[in-house]
Amino acid sequence: MTDHMTTGPVGPFEPPYCSVVFTSLRTSVDDGYEETSRRMEELVATAPGFLGADSARTPGGLGITVAYFRDAEAVKAWRDAPEHREARRRGRVEWYEEYAVHVGTVERSYRGERCGRDE
């Protein structure tokens, strides 16, 4: 996911649900990266069970994307989507020096906002 997404945290969602944390360090290769990133954002937004995503990237190339899905079946379906498989292959070969993926179940979720006073 890139900075094309809305800013601010998504959610919370009704637990339990799944989170997929993708952390990566970019290479200097940009050949098709932005276009593919935009396409993945479009595609995942229409994936059954997709709830939302948070994403950030540092100027040095470290990126963290957390995608939220209703259940493990939705995570698996996204993982196995043909265009996503191809994007992952290109990422391993061209765009990422290294990456890590963590998949888990969220058991508790809430959101807060600045209230202007110490509580």
Protein backbone atom coordinates (compact mmCIF):
# COMPACT_ATOMS: atom_id res chain seq x y z
CA MET A 1 0.00 0.00 0.00
CA THR A 2 1.23 3.47 -0.72
CA ASP A 3 0.49 7.00 0.37
CA HIS A 4 -2.50 7.01 -2.02
CA MET A 5 -4.66 5.62 0.78
CA THR A 6 -6.50 7.85 3.22
CA THR A 7 -4.55 9.08 6.20
CA GLY A 8 -5.45 8.14 9.73
CA PRO A 9 -6.07 4.78 11.30
CA VAL A 10 -8.85 2.52 10.03
CA GLY A 11 -11.21 0.60 12.25
CA PRO A 12 -11.87 -0.51 14.83
CA PHE A 13 -13.68 -3.59 13.59
CA GLU A 14 -15.74 -6.11 15.51
CA PRO A 15 -13.38 -8.82 16.84
CA PRO A 16 -12.34 -11.41 16.19
CA TYR A 17 -10.79 -10.64 12.82
CA CYS A 18 -7.43 -11.20 11.16
CA SER A 19 -4.55 -8.83 10.64
CA VAL A 20 -1.75 -9.29 8.12
CA VAL A 21 1.34 -7.19 8.90
CA PHE A 22 3.70 -6.76 5.95
CA THR A 23 6.99 -5.03 6.75
CA SER A 24 9.46 -4.41 3.94
CA LEU A 25 12.66 -2.66 3.00
CA ARG A 26 12.60 -1.36 -0.58
CA THR A 27 15.30 -1.68 -3.21
CA SER A 28 16.09 1.26 -5.49
CA VAL A 29 14.15 -0.41 -8.34
CA ASP A 30 10.90 1.37 -9.14
CA ASP A 31 10.03 -0.38 -12.43
CA GLY A 32 6.26 -0.82 -12.17
CA TYR A 33 6.15 -0.57 -8.37
CA GLU A 34 3.80 2.41 -8.08
CA GLU A 35 1.41 1.06 -10.71
CA THR A 36 1.36 -2.37 -9.07
CA SER A 37 0.86 -0.85 -5.63
CA ARG A 38 -2.12 1.16 -6.87
CA ARG A 39 -3.58 -1.93 -8.54
CA MET A 40 -3.20 -3.99 -5.35
CA GLU A 41 -5.02 -1.26 -3.39
CA GLU A 42 -7.88 -1.37 -5.89
CA LEU A 43 -7.98 -5.15 -5.96
CA VAL A 44 -7.85 -5.76 -2.20
CA ALA A 45 -10.59 -3.17 -1.65
CA THR A 46 -12.96 -5.44 -3.59
CA ALA A 47 -11.77 -8.70 -1.98
CA PRO A 48 -14.46 -10.50 0.02
CA GLY A 49 -13.78 -10.12 3.74
CA PHE A 50 -11.36 -7.17 3.40
CA LEU A 51 -12.01 -4.63 6.16
CA GLY A 52 -9.33 -1.97 5.63
CA ALA A 53 -5.60 -1.24 5.84
CA ASP A 54 -3.10 1.09 7.46
CA SER A 55 0.18 1.80 5.68
CA ALA A 56 3.29 3.95 6.10
CA ARG A 57 6.74 4.20 4.52
CA THR A 58 9.83 6.03 5.77
CA PRO A 59 12.03 8.10 3.45
CA GLY A 60 14.67 5.37 3.89
CA GLY A 61 12.40 2.75 2.33
CA LEU A 62 11.05 0.88 5.35
CA GLY A 63 7.36 0.19 4.87
CA ILE A 64 4.69 -1.26 7.13
CA THR A 65 1.23 -2.22 5.93
CA VAL A 66 -1.37 -3.80 8.16
CA ALA A 67 -4.37 -5.23 6.32
CA TYR A 68 -7.46 -6.37 8.18
CA PHE A 69 -9.69 -9.23 7.06
CA ARG A 70 -12.89 -10.70 8.49
CA ASP A 71 -11.41 -14.22 8.82
CA ALA A 72 -8.60 -16.61 7.85
CA GLU A 73 -10.44 -17.70 4.70
CA ALA A 74 -10.45 -14.10 3.45
CA VAL A 75 -6.70 -13.83 4.16
CA LYS A 76 -6.05 -17.03 2.23
CA ALA A 77 -8.21 -15.91 -0.70
CA TRP A 78 -6.25 -12.62 -0.90
CA ARG A 79 -2.93 -14.48 -0.64
CA ASP A 80 -3.96 -16.77 -3.50
CA ALA A 81 -5.45 -14.11 -5.82
CA PRO A 82 -3.56 -14.41 -9.16
CA GLU A 83 -2.64 -10.72 -9.53
CA HIS A 84 -1.53 -10.58 -5.91
CA ARG A 85 0.61 -13.69 -6.40
CA GLU A 86 2.34 -12.00 -9.35
CA ALA A 87 2.87 -8.79 -7.36
CA ARG A 88 4.40 -10.81 -4.52
CA ARG A 89 6.72 -12.58 -6.98
CA ARG A 90 7.91 -9.25 -8.41
CA GLY A 91 8.37 -7.92 -4.89
CA ARG A 92 10.66 -10.81 -3.98
CA VAL A 93 12.67 -10.44 -7.19
CA GLU A 94 12.72 -6.67 -7.79
CA TRP A 95 11.27 -4.35 -5.17
CA TYR A 96 12.20 -5.61 -1.69
CA GLU A 97 15.61 -6.14 -0.14
CA GLU A 98 13.84 -8.01 2.63
CA TYR A 99 10.37 -8.40 4.07
CA ALA A 100 8.41 -10.08 6.84
CA VAL A 101 4.78 -11.15 7.04
CA HIS A 102 2.91 -11.71 10.29
CA VAL A 103 -0.66 -13.03 10.35
CA GLY A 104 -2.69 -12.97 13.54
CA THR A 105 -6.11 -12.80 15.10
CA VAL A 106 -7.25 -9.57 16.70
CA GLU A 107 -9.15 -10.22 19.90
CA ARG A 108 -9.66 -6.63 21.06
CA SER A 109 -10.05 -3.41 19.09
CA TYR A 110 -10.85 0.19 19.97
CA ARG A 111 -10.15 3.70 18.75
CA GLY A 112 -9.40 6.95 20.52
CA GLU A 113 -8.98 10.60 19.68
CA ARG A 114 -7.18 13.48 21.34
CA CYS A 115 -9.53 14.95 23.90
CA GLY A 116 -7.54 18.03 24.87
CA ARG A 117 -7.16 17.13 28.51
CA ASP A 118 -5.40 14.57 30.65
CA GLU A 119 -7.75 11.79 31.74
